[in-house]
């Protein structure tokens, strides 16, 4: 089958779907669904998120210099959709969704989300201004995880139904297909 040329586009899919939390110094918090998030470095750990400059949470993250990355599972799908379509400037998303804010260990203002099994606390170290979005590079200063998600000394994503996103479609992640370097050999 032949390939055809299409307009340049971002199609690195699916992408992890996360709930980003932020708060200002007065304690007003926000929850934002982000589909452009990912790990950048393991040692020290860094996680980056891309946020449109016109989003309410963008201003809070820019001013506070911190954010939480909360990994939602399938049972939070409606919450994830809501937090990605309603502005925190107009609504209290914690109150609207019934999410429970949880105090972070290292962040000054940003809460974490109790219902998410994995929470990463990030301090902004750099901001890259891109077209419609700014890319916040955050050093992970604390990671919290439910006990049942830890196995072999690491967080095991196959213990739950984490969410992913691809061109308008929500997906579930979690099936274990094999281990790196132990399962596959090209050509046989």
Protein backbone atom coordinates (compact mmCIF):
# COMPACT_ATOMS: atom_id res chain seq x y z
CA UNK A 1 0.00 0.00 0.00
CA UNK A 2 1.30 3.44 -0.92
CA UNK A 3 1.59 6.34 1.47
CA UNK A 4 0.14 9.74 0.69
CA UNK A 5 1.18 13.21 1.83
CA UNK A 6 -1.10 15.00 4.29
CA UNK A 7 -0.91 18.43 5.93
CA UNK A 8 1.77 18.64 8.64
CA UNK A 9 0.20 17.62 11.94
CA UNK A 10 0.95 16.24 15.36
CA UNK A 11 0.24 12.54 15.20
CA UNK A 12 2.30 11.01 17.95
CA UNK A 13 -0.64 9.04 19.29
CA UNK A 14 -2.01 7.90 21.59
CA UNK A 15 -0.76 10.20 24.32
CA UNK A 16 -1.13 9.89 28.10
CA UNK A 17 -4.12 11.75 29.51
CA UNK A 18 -3.46 13.50 32.82
CA UNK A 19 -5.20 15.85 35.19
CA UNK A 20 -2.95 18.80 35.99
CA UNK A 21 -3.56 20.66 39.24
CA UNK A 22 -2.42 24.13 40.12
CA UNK A 23 -3.28 26.78 42.70
CA UNK A 24 -2.50 30.40 43.31
CA UNK A 25 -1.18 31.92 46.55
CA UNK A 26 -4.76 32.70 47.66
CA UNK A 27 -5.60 29.00 47.49
CA UNK A 28 -7.82 29.10 44.42
CA UNK A 29 -7.13 25.85 42.60
CA UNK A 30 -7.77 24.51 39.15
CA UNK A 31 -7.84 21.13 37.42
CA UNK A 32 -6.97 20.92 33.74
CA UNK A 33 -7.08 17.88 31.46
CA UNK A 34 -3.85 17.69 29.44
CA UNK A 35 -3.21 15.33 26.57
CA UNK A 36 0.26 16.60 25.77
CA UNK A 37 2.26 15.37 28.73
CA UNK A 38 5.21 13.09 28.99
CA UNK A 39 8.37 12.01 30.71
CA UNK A 40 11.49 13.87 29.65
CA UNK A 41 14.31 12.51 31.79
CA UNK A 42 14.74 9.81 34.42
CA UNK A 43 17.66 11.13 36.46
CA UNK A 44 16.66 13.58 37.73
CA UNK A 45 13.02 12.95 36.83
CA UNK A 46 11.36 15.55 34.61
CA UNK A 47 7.80 15.66 33.22
CA UNK A 48 6.63 18.20 30.66
CA UNK A 49 3.15 19.49 29.86
CA UNK A 50 1.92 21.69 27.00
CA UNK A 51 -0.78 24.20 27.92
CA UNK A 52 -2.49 26.78 25.73
CA UNK A 53 -1.67 30.31 26.82
CA UNK A 54 -5.36 31.25 26.91
CA UNK A 55 -6.20 28.57 29.50
CA UNK A 56 -6.94 29.67 33.06
CA UNK A 57 -4.49 27.14 34.52
CA UNK A 58 -1.67 28.48 32.32
CA UNK A 59 -1.61 31.74 34.28
CA UNK A 60 -1.66 29.95 37.62
CA UNK A 61 1.21 27.63 36.65
CA UNK A 62 3.20 30.55 35.24
CA UNK A 63 2.76 32.57 38.45
CA UNK A 64 3.22 29.74 40.97
CA UNK A 65 6.00 27.84 39.21
CA UNK A 66 4.53 24.46 40.14
CA UNK A 67 1.93 21.89 39.15
CA UNK A 68 0.69 18.42 39.99
CA UNK A 69 0.38 15.67 37.39
CA UNK A 70 -2.34 13.23 38.42
CA UNK A 71 -2.88 10.00 36.48
CA UNK A 72 -6.60 9.20 36.15
CA UNK A 73 -8.09 5.79 35.50
CA UNK A 74 -11.14 4.66 33.54
CA UNK A 75 -13.57 5.33 36.41
CA UNK A 76 -12.68 9.05 36.18
CA UNK A 77 -13.42 9.37 32.44
CA UNK A 78 -16.42 11.68 32.88
CA UNK A 79 -14.40 13.88 35.23
CA UNK A 80 -11.51 13.99 32.75
CA UNK A 81 -13.85 15.03 29.95
CA UNK A 82 -15.50 17.71 32.11
CA UNK A 83 -12.17 19.16 33.28
CA UNK A 84 -11.03 19.40 29.67
CA UNK A 85 -14.10 21.29 28.45
CA UNK A 86 -14.97 23.71 31.29
CA UNK A 87 -12.83 26.67 32.34
CA UNK A 88 -11.55 26.93 35.90
CA UNK A 89 -12.01 30.69 35.58
CA UNK A 90 -15.77 30.09 35.68
CA UNK A 91 -16.13 26.91 37.74
CA UNK A 92 -14.67 25.18 40.79
CA UNK A 93 -13.85 21.85 39.17
CA UNK A 94 -13.09 20.13 42.47
CA UNK A 95 -16.55 21.02 43.77
CA UNK A 96 -18.31 20.30 40.46
CA UNK A 97 -16.79 16.84 40.03
CA UNK A 98 -16.55 15.66 43.62
CA UNK A 99 -12.78 15.23 43.35
CA UNK A 100 -10.99 15.45 46.69
CA UNK A 101 -7.93 17.69 46.85
CA UNK A 102 -5.00 16.16 48.69
CA UNK A 103 -2.12 18.13 50.17
CA UNK A 104 1.15 17.80 48.28
CA UNK A 105 4.35 17.00 50.16
CA UNK A 106 6.70 19.39 48.36
CA UNK A 107 4.54 21.90 46.48
CA UNK A 108 3.54 25.16 48.13
CA UNK A 109 0.07 25.66 46.70
CA UNK A 110 -0.95 23.07 44.13
CA UNK A 111 -3.08 20.23 45.50
CA UNK A 112 -3.08 16.66 44.23
CA UNK A 113 -6.13 14.56 43.38
CA UNK A 114 -6.89 11.83 45.92
CA UNK A 115 -8.86 9.69 43.44
CA UNK A 116 -5.87 9.38 41.08
CA UNK A 117 -3.62 6.42 41.95
CA UNK A 118 -0.40 8.21 40.93
CA UNK A 119 0.51 11.83 41.64
CA UNK A 120 3.66 13.67 40.55
CA UNK A 121 4.67 16.97 42.15
CA UNK A 122 6.51 19.19 39.67
CA UNK A 123 8.50 22.41 40.00
CA UNK A 124 8.79 24.42 36.78
CA UNK A 125 12.40 24.74 35.66
CA UNK A 126 11.86 26.05 32.14
CA UNK A 127 9.09 27.28 29.87
CA UNK A 128 9.36 26.93 26.10
CA UNK A 129 7.10 29.23 24.13
CA UNK A 130 5.69 27.31 21.19
CA UNK A 131 2.95 28.33 18.72
CA UNK A 132 -0.40 28.07 20.53
CA UNK A 133 1.03 26.38 23.64
CA UNK A 134 3.75 26.86 26.21
CA UNK A 135 5.70 23.78 27.23
CA UNK A 136 6.32 23.65 30.99
CA UNK A 137 9.32 21.55 31.97
CA UNK A 138 8.85 20.36 35.53
CA UNK A 139 11.26 18.54 37.81
CA UNK A 140 9.43 15.81 39.71
CA UNK A 141 10.21 16.53 43.36
CA UNK A 142 7.83 13.95 44.84
CA UNK A 143 5.92 10.93 43.54
CA UNK A 144 3.00 9.39 45.41
CA UNK A 145 1.42 6.11 44.44
CA UNK A 146 -1.11 3.65 45.81
CA UNK A 147 0.60 0.58 47.27
CA UNK A 148 -1.15 -1.90 44.97
CA UNK A 149 0.37 -0.12 41.97
CA UNK A 150 3.93 -0.83 43.08
CA UNK A 151 5.62 -4.05 42.02
CA UNK A 152 9.26 -5.03 41.57
CA UNK A 153 10.27 -1.68 43.08
CA UNK A 154 8.53 0.41 40.41
CA UNK A 155 5.11 1.74 39.51
CA UNK A 156 3.23 -0.79 37.39
CA UNK A 157 0.85 0.79 34.88
CA UNK A 158 -0.67 -2.61 34.09
CA UNK A 159 -2.34 -2.61 37.52
CA UNK A 160 -5.07 -0.22 36.39
CA UNK A 161 -6.86 1.34 33.49
CA UNK A 162 -4.90 4.54 32.87
CA UNK A 163 -6.27 6.79 30.16
CA UNK A 164 -4.84 7.88 26.83
CA UNK A 165 -6.10 10.19 24.10
CA UNK A 166 -5.93 10.05 20.33
CA UNK A 167 -7.51 12.58 17.95
CA UNK A 168 -10.73 13.09 19.92
CA UNK A 169 -10.98 9.55 21.29
CA UNK A 170 -10.40 8.35 24.84
CA UNK A 171 -8.54 5.05 25.23
CA UNK A 172 -7.71 2.72 28.10
CA UNK A 173 -4.14 1.59 28.74
CA UNK A 174 -2.95 -1.29 30.85
CA UNK A 175 -2.56 -4.58 29.02
CA UNK A 176 0.88 -6.06 29.60
CA UNK A 177 2.33 -7.08 26.20
CA UNK A 178 5.78 -8.12 27.37
CA UNK A 179 8.95 -6.80 28.95
CA UNK A 180 11.58 -4.66 27.27
CA UNK A 181 14.54 -6.64 26.05
CA UNK A 182 13.10 -10.01 27.06
CA UNK A 183 10.19 -10.66 24.76
CA UNK A 184 11.01 -9.73 21.20
CA UNK A 185 13.70 -10.34 18.62
CA UNK A 186 13.41 -8.82 15.13
CA UNK A 187 13.30 -11.42 12.41
CA UNK A 188 12.58 -14.35 14.63
